[in-house]
Protein backbone atom coordinates (compact mmCIF):
# COMPACT_ATOMS: atom_id res chain seq x y z
CA MET A 1 91.96 -27.91 -10.87
CA ARG A 2 94.73 -26.88 -13.03
CA GLN A 3 97.92 -29.06 -12.86
CA LYS A 4 100.99 -27.70 -11.43
CA THR A 5 103.85 -27.08 -13.89
CA ILE A 6 107.34 -27.95 -12.80
CA LEU A 7 110.42 -26.41 -14.68
CA VAL A 8 113.44 -28.85 -14.66
CA GLY A 9 116.77 -27.22 -15.29
CA GLU A 10 119.24 -30.06 -16.01
CA ASP A 11 121.77 -30.72 -18.66
CA ASP A 12 122.01 -34.41 -18.37
CA SER A 13 119.54 -35.96 -20.95
CA GLU A 14 118.97 -39.20 -18.94
CA VAL A 15 118.34 -37.33 -15.55
CA ARG A 16 115.79 -35.12 -17.57
CA ALA A 17 114.12 -38.23 -18.87
CA TYR A 18 113.98 -39.80 -15.51
CA LEU A 19 112.63 -36.57 -13.73
CA GLY A 20 110.22 -36.26 -16.54
CA MET A 21 108.77 -39.58 -16.28
CA THR A 22 108.61 -39.53 -12.47
CA LEU A 23 106.93 -35.97 -12.14
CA ARG A 24 104.43 -36.85 -14.86
CA CYS A 25 103.66 -39.99 -13.19
CA SER A 26 102.90 -37.94 -10.04
CA GLY A 27 100.44 -35.80 -11.98
CA TYR A 28 102.60 -32.60 -12.86
CA ASN A 29 103.14 -30.92 -16.09
CA VAL A 30 106.86 -30.74 -16.92
CA GLU A 31 108.96 -28.23 -18.81
CA PHE A 32 112.70 -28.68 -19.49
CA ALA A 33 115.64 -26.27 -19.71
CA VAL A 34 119.27 -27.43 -20.49
CA ASP A 35 121.03 -24.77 -18.73
CA GLY A 36 120.58 -21.75 -16.46
CA GLU A 37 119.99 -19.29 -19.43
CA GLU A 38 116.98 -21.31 -20.58
CA VAL A 39 115.54 -21.36 -17.00
CA ILE A 40 115.64 -17.51 -16.68
CA SER A 41 114.37 -17.20 -20.29
CA HIS A 42 111.38 -19.64 -19.53
CA LEU A 43 110.57 -17.61 -16.34
CA ARG A 44 110.79 -14.29 -18.09
CA SER A 45 108.38 -15.45 -20.77
CA GLY A 46 105.65 -15.56 -17.97
CA GLY A 47 104.90 -19.16 -18.66
CA PRO A 48 103.07 -20.97 -15.66
CA VAL A 49 105.62 -22.37 -13.20
CA SER A 50 104.75 -23.64 -9.84
CA LEU A 51 108.20 -24.79 -8.90
CA VAL A 52 111.78 -25.19 -10.39
CA LEU A 53 114.05 -28.15 -10.03
CA LEU A 54 117.55 -26.76 -10.55
CA ASP A 55 120.80 -28.71 -11.14
CA ILE A 56 123.95 -26.97 -9.64
CA MET A 57 126.36 -28.17 -12.34
CA MET A 58 125.18 -26.76 -15.78
CA PRO A 59 127.00 -25.21 -18.56
CA SER A 60 126.94 -21.48 -19.60
CA LYS A 61 125.22 -20.55 -16.21
CA ASP A 62 125.28 -22.89 -13.22
CA GLY A 63 122.81 -23.42 -10.70
CA TRP A 64 123.99 -20.75 -8.20
CA GLU A 65 124.12 -18.10 -10.64
CA THR A 66 120.55 -18.91 -11.75
CA LEU A 67 119.25 -19.19 -8.32
CA ARG A 68 120.63 -15.61 -7.79
CA ASP A 69 118.99 -14.35 -10.88
CA ILE A 70 115.68 -15.78 -9.97
CA ARG A 71 115.82 -14.10 -6.52
CA ASN A 72 116.89 -10.74 -8.15
CA MET A 73 113.94 -11.08 -10.25
CA ARG A 74 111.92 -11.09 -7.07
CA MET A 75 110.16 -14.37 -7.99
CA ASP A 76 108.82 -16.20 -5.16
CA VAL A 77 108.68 -19.45 -7.04
CA PRO A 78 110.01 -22.21 -4.77
CA VAL A 79 113.40 -23.57 -6.02
CA ILE A 80 114.64 -27.07 -5.11
CA MET A 81 118.43 -27.38 -5.80
CA LEU A 82 119.86 -30.79 -7.12
CA SER A 83 123.43 -32.03 -7.13
CA GLY A 84 125.28 -35.24 -7.65
CA MET A 85 127.42 -34.37 -4.54
CA PHE A 86 125.83 -34.11 -1.18
CA SER A 87 127.91 -31.89 1.23
CA PRO A 88 126.81 -29.67 4.24
CA PRO A 89 128.33 -26.53 2.60
CA ASN A 90 126.38 -26.94 -0.41
CA VAL A 91 123.05 -27.44 1.47
CA VAL A 92 123.88 -24.42 3.62
CA GLN A 93 124.74 -22.35 0.78
CA ALA A 94 121.76 -23.34 -1.23
CA ILE A 95 119.41 -22.54 1.56
CA LYS A 96 121.11 -19.14 2.47
CA SER A 97 120.91 -18.24 -1.27
CA GLY A 98 117.15 -18.46 -1.21
CA ALA A 99 116.58 -22.19 -2.26
CA THR A 100 113.72 -23.99 -0.73
CA ASP A 101 115.11 -27.38 -0.43
CA PHE A 102 118.22 -29.40 -1.52
CA LEU A 103 118.12 -33.04 -2.92
CA ALA A 104 121.18 -35.28 -3.74
CA LYS A 105 121.27 -37.27 -6.99
CA PRO A 106 120.16 -39.96 -7.80
CA VAL A 107 116.79 -38.64 -6.44
CA GLY A 108 114.25 -41.08 -5.40
CA HIS A 109 110.58 -40.69 -6.43
CA GLU A 110 109.29 -40.55 -2.76
CA ASP A 111 111.91 -38.06 -1.58
CA LEU A 112 111.11 -35.90 -4.73
CA ASN A 113 107.48 -35.86 -4.19
CA ARG A 114 107.95 -35.04 -0.45
CA ALA A 115 110.18 -32.05 -1.28
CA ILE A 116 107.80 -30.74 -3.83
CA GLU A 117 104.70 -31.15 -1.37
CA ARG A 118 106.91 -29.35 1.35
CA ALA A 119 108.05 -26.59 -1.07
CA SER A 120 104.55 -26.00 -2.32
CA GLY A 121 102.93 -25.76 0.84
CA GLY A 122 101.19 -29.10 0.33
CA PRO A 123 100.07 -31.36 2.90
CA VAL A 124 102.06 -31.66 6.09
CA GLN A 125 100.79 -34.99 6.85
CA ASP A 126 102.58 -37.27 4.46
CA GLU A 127 100.52 -40.45 5.12
CA ALA A 128 101.79 -43.96 4.42
CA PRO A 129 99.44 -46.28 2.69
CA PRO A 130 97.15 -47.75 5.21
CA ASP A 131 98.17 -51.29 4.69
CA LEU A 132 102.03 -50.66 5.01
CA GLY A 133 101.94 -51.44 8.76
CA SER A 134 100.58 -54.95 8.12
CA ALA A 135 103.42 -55.44 5.60
CA MET A 136 106.11 -54.67 8.40
CA PHE A 137 104.25 -56.87 10.94
CA PHE A 138 103.56 -59.68 8.65
CA GLY A 139 104.36 -63.12 9.92
CA ALA A 140 104.77 -64.79 13.40
CA ASP A 141 108.12 -63.95 14.36
CA PRO A 142 108.29 -63.93 18.25
CA ALA A 143 109.99 -60.61 18.56
CA MET A 144 107.42 -59.04 16.34
CA GLU A 145 104.60 -60.77 18.26
CA LEU A 146 105.88 -59.09 21.46
CA LEU A 147 106.08 -55.79 19.70
CA LYS A 148 102.50 -56.20 18.22
CA ALA A 149 101.12 -56.85 21.83
CA SER A 150 102.65 -53.58 23.11
CA LEU A 151 101.56 -51.33 20.41
CA PRO A 152 97.99 -50.29 21.64
CA LYS A 153 99.26 -49.29 25.21
CA VAL A 154 102.21 -47.49 23.81
CA ALA A 155 100.08 -45.53 21.25
CA ALA A 156 97.41 -44.64 23.84
CA SER A 157 99.99 -42.74 26.07
CA ASP A 158 101.50 -39.46 25.14
CA VAL A 159 104.97 -40.13 26.32
CA PRO A 160 108.09 -40.20 23.93
CA VAL A 161 109.02 -43.19 22.27
CA LEU A 162 112.47 -44.52 21.09
CA ILE A 163 112.46 -46.92 18.13
CA GLN A 164 115.69 -48.73 17.48
CA GLY A 165 116.58 -50.97 14.54
CA GLU A 166 118.78 -51.35 11.55
CA THR A 167 118.33 -49.29 8.44
CA GLY A 168 115.42 -50.41 6.40
CA THR A 169 113.64 -52.32 9.21
CA GLY A 170 110.54 -50.19 9.30
CA LYS A 171 111.31 -47.52 11.94
CA GLU A 172 109.17 -44.81 10.20
CA VAL A 173 106.30 -47.24 9.39
CA LEU A 174 106.29 -48.07 13.05
CA ALA A 175 106.29 -44.49 13.99
CA ARG A 176 103.29 -43.91 11.65
CA LEU A 177 101.50 -46.88 12.97
CA LEU A 178 101.78 -45.39 16.46
CA HIS A 179 100.45 -42.09 15.39
CA GLY A 180 97.62 -43.80 13.51
CA LEU A 181 96.63 -45.71 16.62
CA SER A 182 96.81 -42.67 18.89
CA ALA A 183 94.30 -39.95 19.92
CA ARG A 184 96.41 -37.65 17.77
CA LYS A 185 95.68 -39.66 14.53
CA ASN A 186 93.67 -36.70 12.91
CA ARG A 187 96.40 -34.23 13.57
CA PRO A 188 99.75 -33.68 11.60
CA PHE A 189 102.52 -36.33 11.41
CA VAL A 190 105.64 -34.80 10.36
CA LYS A 191 109.30 -36.20 10.01
CA LEU A 192 112.90 -34.81 10.06
CA ASN A 193 115.91 -37.03 9.20
CA CYS A 194 118.63 -35.57 11.59
CA ALA A 195 121.31 -37.21 9.61
CA ALA A 196 120.42 -35.71 6.27
CA LEU A 197 121.07 -32.00 7.13
CA PRO A 198 123.83 -30.06 8.72
CA SER A 199 123.05 -29.06 12.19
CA GLU A 200 122.49 -25.39 11.61
CA LEU A 201 119.73 -26.43 9.12
CA VAL A 202 118.30 -29.05 11.41
CA GLU A 203 117.64 -26.33 13.92
CA SER A 204 115.93 -24.14 11.45
CA GLU A 205 113.93 -26.87 10.24
CA LEU A 206 112.74 -27.86 13.67
CA PHE A 207 112.17 -24.33 15.09
CA GLY A 208 111.68 -22.06 12.20
CA TYR A 209 113.21 -18.67 11.78
CA GLU A 210 112.18 -15.03 11.67
CA ARG A 211 112.67 -12.83 8.70
CA GLY A 212 116.27 -11.45 8.62
CA ALA A 213 117.61 -14.04 11.03
CA PHE A 214 120.42 -14.90 8.64
CA THR A 215 121.38 -14.15 5.05
CA GLY A 216 118.88 -15.47 2.77
CA ALA A 217 116.09 -15.49 5.28
CA LEU A 218 113.72 -13.37 3.27
CA GLN A 219 110.67 -14.18 5.22
CA LYS A 220 109.49 -16.00 8.31
CA LYS A 221 109.48 -19.75 8.26
CA VAL A 222 107.41 -21.93 10.51
CA GLY A 223 109.43 -24.94 11.94
CA LEU A 224 108.31 -28.52 12.04
CA PHE A 225 107.40 -28.41 15.79
CA GLU A 226 104.78 -25.71 15.05
CA LEU A 227 103.54 -27.79 12.00
CA ALA A 228 103.15 -30.72 14.01
CA ASN A 229 101.14 -28.94 16.93
CA GLY A 230 98.59 -31.17 18.38
CA GLY A 231 100.19 -34.15 16.42
CA THR A 232 103.36 -36.22 16.27
CA ILE A 233 106.79 -35.54 15.05
CA LEU A 234 109.39 -38.22 14.09
CA LEU A 235 113.09 -37.37 14.76
CA ASP A 236 114.65 -40.07 12.48
CA GLU A 237 118.40 -40.88 13.09
CA ILE A 238 118.32 -38.78 16.40
CA GLY A 239 121.69 -40.44 17.06
CA ASP A 240 123.20 -38.04 14.37
CA MET A 241 121.95 -35.02 16.00
CA ASP A 242 124.50 -32.38 17.09
CA VAL A 243 125.08 -32.30 20.95
CA ARG A 244 124.32 -28.61 21.04
CA LEU A 245 121.02 -29.00 19.50
CA GLN A 246 120.19 -32.03 21.77
CA ALA A 247 120.16 -29.37 24.69
CA LYS A 248 117.51 -27.28 22.99
CA LEU A 249 115.57 -30.21 22.17
CA LEU A 250 115.70 -31.64 25.69
CA GLN A 251 114.23 -28.18 26.71
CA VAL A 252 111.42 -28.47 24.17
CA LEU A 253 110.52 -31.85 25.59
CA GLN A 254 110.34 -30.66 29.02
CA ASP A 255 108.49 -27.31 28.50
CA GLN A 256 106.86 -27.70 25.12
CA LYS A 257 107.97 -24.30 24.19
CA PHE A 258 110.77 -22.69 22.29
CA ARG A 259 111.80 -19.59 20.19
CA ARG A 260 112.33 -19.28 16.56
CA LEU A 261 115.84 -18.47 15.22
CA GLY A 262 116.27 -14.75 15.48
CA GLY A 263 113.05 -14.33 17.35
CA THR A 264 112.05 -13.32 20.95
CA ASP A 265 108.37 -14.46 21.21
CA VAL A 266 107.90 -17.82 22.84
CA VAL A 267 106.17 -20.41 20.70
CA ARG A 268 104.11 -22.97 22.88
CA VAL A 269 103.36 -26.43 21.15
CA ASN A 270 101.62 -29.77 22.22
CA VAL A 271 103.59 -32.43 20.22
CA ARG A 272 104.51 -36.03 20.86
CA VAL A 273 107.98 -36.83 19.99
CA ILE A 274 109.00 -40.19 18.51
CA ALA A 275 112.83 -40.67 17.97
CA ALA A 276 114.43 -43.58 15.76
CA THR A 277 118.02 -44.51 15.37
CA HIS A 278 120.13 -47.33 14.09
CA ARG A 279 122.79 -46.39 16.50
CA ASP A 280 123.70 -47.71 20.00
CA LEU A 281 123.00 -44.69 22.09
CA THR A 282 124.54 -46.02 25.28
CA HIS A 283 127.76 -46.30 23.11
CA ALA A 284 127.22 -42.72 22.01
CA ILE A 285 126.60 -41.57 25.55
CA ARG A 286 129.98 -42.91 26.66
CA GLU A 287 131.82 -41.35 23.70
CA GLY A 288 130.27 -38.05 24.55
CA ALA A 289 128.22 -37.90 21.36
CA PHE A 290 124.65 -38.04 22.96
CA ARG A 291 123.20 -36.44 26.04
CA GLU A 292 122.48 -38.92 28.81
CA ASP A 293 119.62 -36.75 30.07
CA LEU A 294 118.03 -36.58 26.70
CA TYR A 295 118.30 -40.44 26.21
CA TYR A 296 116.44 -41.00 29.43
CA ARG A 297 113.94 -38.37 28.49
CA LEU A 298 113.37 -40.28 25.05
CA ASN A 299 113.68 -43.75 26.52
CA VAL A 300 110.39 -43.98 28.29
CA PHE A 301 109.48 -46.59 25.83
CA THR A 302 111.83 -48.30 23.54
CA LEU A 303 110.65 -50.54 20.76
CA ALA A 304 113.31 -52.72 18.98
CA LEU A 305 112.77 -53.93 15.44
CA PRO A 306 114.36 -57.13 14.50
CA SER A 307 116.40 -57.39 11.15
CA LEU A 308 114.88 -59.24 8.23
CA ARG A 309 117.76 -61.88 8.37
CA GLU A 310 116.20 -62.59 11.91
CA ARG A 311 112.86 -63.17 10.33
CA LYS A 312 113.67 -65.80 7.86
CA ASP A 313 110.22 -67.58 7.96
CA ASP A 314 108.47 -64.25 7.19
CA ILE A 315 110.61 -63.43 4.02
CA LEU A 316 108.37 -65.32 1.33
CA GLY A 317 105.23 -64.05 2.85
CA LEU A 318 106.50 -60.37 2.90
CA THR A 319 107.70 -60.85 -0.66
CA GLU A 320 104.26 -62.01 -1.81
CA PHE A 321 102.72 -59.04 0.07
CA LEU A 322 104.86 -56.56 -1.58
CA ILE A 323 104.24 -58.05 -5.04
CA ALA A 324 100.54 -57.78 -4.34
CA ARG A 325 101.06 -54.08 -2.98
CA HIS A 326 103.25 -52.77 -5.98
CA ASN A 327 102.00 -54.93 -8.90
CA SER A 328 99.69 -53.19 -11.44
CA PRO A 329 96.06 -54.04 -11.09
CA GLU A 330 95.87 -55.14 -14.89
CA ALA A 331 99.14 -57.28 -14.63
CA MET A 332 99.53 -60.87 -13.60
CA PRO A 333 101.73 -61.29 -10.41
CA PRO A 334 105.06 -62.76 -11.24
CA ALA A 335 105.63 -66.49 -10.42
CA LEU A 336 108.12 -67.25 -7.60
CA PRO A 337 110.24 -70.26 -8.86
CA LEU A 338 111.65 -72.44 -6.33
CA ASP A 339 115.39 -71.15 -7.15
CA LEU A 340 114.20 -67.58 -6.50
CA GLN A 341 112.29 -68.63 -3.24
CA ALA A 342 115.70 -70.28 -2.15
CA ALA A 343 117.73 -67.16 -3.13
CA LEU A 344 115.25 -64.82 -1.22
CA VAL A 345 115.55 -66.91 2.00
CA ALA A 346 119.24 -67.29 1.75
CA CYS A 347 119.96 -63.63 1.28
CA SER A 348 121.33 -61.74 4.60
CA TRP A 349 119.42 -58.63 3.55
CA PRO A 350 121.70 -56.02 4.91
CA GLY A 351 119.03 -53.40 3.76
CA ASN A 352 116.18 -55.22 5.30
CA ILE A 353 112.54 -54.70 4.13
CA ARG A 354 113.56 -51.84 2.25
CA GLN A 355 115.96 -53.80 0.16
CA LEU A 356 113.36 -56.39 -0.29
CA GLU A 357 111.02 -54.08 -1.53
CA ASN A 358 113.36 -52.72 -4.16
CA ILE A 359 113.97 -56.33 -5.35
CA VAL A 360 110.35 -56.87 -5.58
CA ARG A 361 109.99 -53.59 -7.75
CA LYS A 362 112.76 -54.77 -9.98
CA LEU A 363 111.17 -58.10 -10.41
CA LEU A 364 107.93 -56.39 -11.45
CA VAL A 365 109.72 -54.32 -14.04
CA LEU A 366 111.94 -56.94 -15.52
CA ARG A 367 109.60 -59.93 -15.21
CA ASP A 368 112.75 -62.15 -15.24
CA PRO A 369 113.29 -64.37 -12.04
CA GLY A 370 116.56 -65.80 -13.17
CA LEU A 371 118.19 -62.24 -13.28
CA ILE A 372 116.98 -61.59 -9.91
CA VAL A 373 118.24 -64.98 -8.65
CA HIS A 374 121.60 -63.99 -10.04
CA GLU A 375 121.58 -60.52 -8.53
CA LEU A 376 120.78 -62.06 -5.03
CA ARG A 377 123.50 -64.79 -5.36
CA SER A 378 126.24 -62.21 -6.57
CA MET A 379 125.10 -59.98 -3.63
CA GLU A 380 125.65 -62.67 -1.16
CA LYS A 381 129.05 -63.63 -2.84
CA GLY A 382 129.85 -59.93 -2.59
CA VAL A 383 129.42 -59.92 1.31
CA ILE A 384 131.57 -62.90 1.36
CA VAL A 385 134.18 -61.33 -0.78
CA ALA A 386 134.09 -58.03 1.13
CA ALA A 387 134.73 -59.67 4.45
CA ALA A 388 137.72 -61.69 2.97
CA GLU A 389 139.02 -58.32 1.51
CA THR A 390 138.82 -56.68 4.83
CA THR A 391 140.82 -59.60 6.37
CA VAL A 392 143.46 -59.45 3.51
CA ARG A 393 143.77 -55.73 3.43
CA SER A 394 144.35 -55.63 7.24
CA GLY A 395 147.57 -57.86 6.89
CA ARG A 396 146.55 -59.41 10.20
CA LYS A 397 145.87 -63.03 11.02
CA PRO A 398 142.64 -63.61 12.80
CA PRO A 399 142.99 -64.40 16.39
CA GLY A 400 144.11 -68.18 16.81
CA ALA A 401 145.49 -68.41 13.16
CA GLU A 402 148.89 -70.00 13.04
CA PHE A 403 151.54 -69.67 10.31
CA GLY A 404 149.29 -67.63 8.08
CA SER A 405 146.94 -70.72 7.46
CA VAL A 406 143.60 -68.69 8.23
CA PHE A 407 145.05 -65.78 6.39
CA ASP A 408 145.80 -67.85 3.32
CA LYS A 409 142.33 -69.47 3.45
CA ALA A 410 140.55 -66.22 3.56
CA THR A 411 142.63 -64.98 0.50
CA ARG A 412 141.57 -68.31 -1.40
CA ALA A 413 138.02 -67.84 -0.38
CA LYS A 414 138.04 -64.41 -1.92
CA GLU A 415 139.39 -65.73 -5.21
CA GLU A 416 137.01 -68.71 -5.21
CA ALA A 417 133.83 -66.52 -4.58
CA GLU A 418 135.09 -63.86 -7.13
CA ALA A 419 135.69 -66.56 -9.73
CA GLU A 420 132.26 -68.19 -9.02
CA ALA A 421 130.44 -64.80 -9.41
CA ILE A 422 132.19 -64.37 -12.69
CA LEU A 423 131.23 -67.73 -14.04
CA ASP A 424 127.56 -67.14 -12.89
CA ALA A 425 127.66 -63.84 -14.77
CA LEU A 426 129.03 -65.17 -17.83
CA GLN A 427 126.68 -68.03 -17.93
CA SER A 428 123.66 -65.66 -17.23
CA ALA A 429 124.75 -63.62 -20.13
CA ARG A 430 125.50 -66.61 -22.31
CA TRP A 431 129.11 -65.75 -22.40
CA ASN A 432 128.66 -62.30 -23.76
CA ARG A 433 131.64 -60.60 -21.93
CA LYS A 434 130.21 -57.03 -22.13
CA ARG A 435 126.96 -58.03 -20.75
CA ALA A 436 128.62 -60.02 -18.03
CA ALA A 437 130.74 -56.94 -17.14
CA ALA A 438 127.41 -54.94 -16.87
CA LEU A 439 125.94 -57.41 -14.51
CA LEU A 440 128.99 -57.54 -12.37
CA ARG A 441 129.24 -53.74 -12.59
CA ILE A 442 132.81 -53.81 -13.39
CA ASP A 443 134.94 -52.42 -16.27
CA TYR A 444 135.04 -54.54 -19.51
CA LYS A 445 138.65 -54.64 -19.37
CA ALA A 446 138.83 -55.61 -15.82
CA LEU A 447 136.58 -58.51 -16.67
CA LEU A 448 139.05 -59.81 -19.27
CA TYR A 449 141.85 -59.38 -16.95
CA LYS A 450 140.15 -61.24 -14.18
CA MET A 451 139.16 -63.99 -16.57
CA LYS A 452 142.68 -64.50 -17.75
CA LYS A 453 144.17 -64.34 -14.30
CA MET A 454 141.75 -66.83 -12.86
CA SER A 455 141.70 -69.00 -15.86
CA ILE A 456 137.84 -68.80 -16.21
CA GLU A 457 137.44 -70.57 -19.35
CA ASP A 458 139.56 -73.62 -18.10
CA ARG A 459 137.31 -73.79 -14.97
CA ALA A 460 134.18 -73.69 -17.19
CA ARG A 461 135.54 -76.71 -19.19
CA ARG A 462 136.33 -78.65 -15.93
CA ILE A 463 132.78 -77.98 -14.69
CA SER A 464 131.32 -78.96 -18.12
CA LEU A 465 133.25 -82.28 -18.21
CA SER A 466 132.58 -83.12 -14.72
CA ALA A 467 128.84 -82.45 -15.37
């Protein structure tokens, strides 16, 4: 089978290099164009192009003009627009102008591959690796044990399920696992992130549209509910869905039928709905942001995922599992020295398992446990600093504080944490100030200013003498 060729229109050399590497690793041929003129020239030359990735901001001819020219050429090649700024008006303009999809930079390789598959008419069912569920359910946390015990019964039923949990706890993984354990496992599993698109596009993605339904609707589009017929649809971040759309979704849940945008024919489907959210929907109901009747329709079964910081005993086991999962078969797995183990367990993991997975991937690339330890410790200090800064910026004394004592302690805690983070970075960089600034992700001059203000070199000498 001939490999698909993707034409990348991007003027930034670093982004081009990243996209080229990512696409080639996924098995695609890649051609490049540095501006819109080169994109059009390449397409007119008749070279094989299966899909175009098109940056909006380019010299000489920007992405909007280039997209218009591609459509004026009557070419039906899929076009995915890229932009460093995600905004609903840009997304709407892109789709109405004939783009197939829209991705915000920086683009993750998984999101990129999924968008390409969707645009190319690839497999609807984007299956997770079969062992991913066991990664999420690794360990013996009591909350996870209760969850595991209920899964077979919940999966065997056909009623809606509501999954609640913080970002990165594995809500999508759990939804896929439910689908895989159900009688629908050989039918499609499709997903829509309700927070990623404006409401008008969420509606067209879910229910599809007829040709001519709006400007740019050049042909009929089948929606996700039709694509998922017989299978399962995951509505991720359901708490961000527009209230008007919630009414239409409630109708589909009740009747399993709907009309495409701009259409008159009734479409009947048989789809199991799984909804996921990190929001408190009962609070959203009180605020008028979520329909109570839809909540009770979805809330037949509620599955709650604990955060990673609530599963401290599982962290090291999860880390080893993820190392085994992502490590190259020919490479030795990296060691986990005691200081790295301690840093992993001490971390509060605001991004949960997804954040841990990213740290593991970084460890596999850098092969430097010391840098990972430094990053984890700096991250934790950053959490402390951010909390202290919030207190300082508010200008209010916390409840029970008298004569500013707690306020002053917060300010000192912020300064101490910041000074310690700077010292750690300097020591890790062997006192190379430019490298330390890079580790801290601050401007070089800002680092010099902070070092002088906090007398960092004097602090280092005192620590050295005391040691």
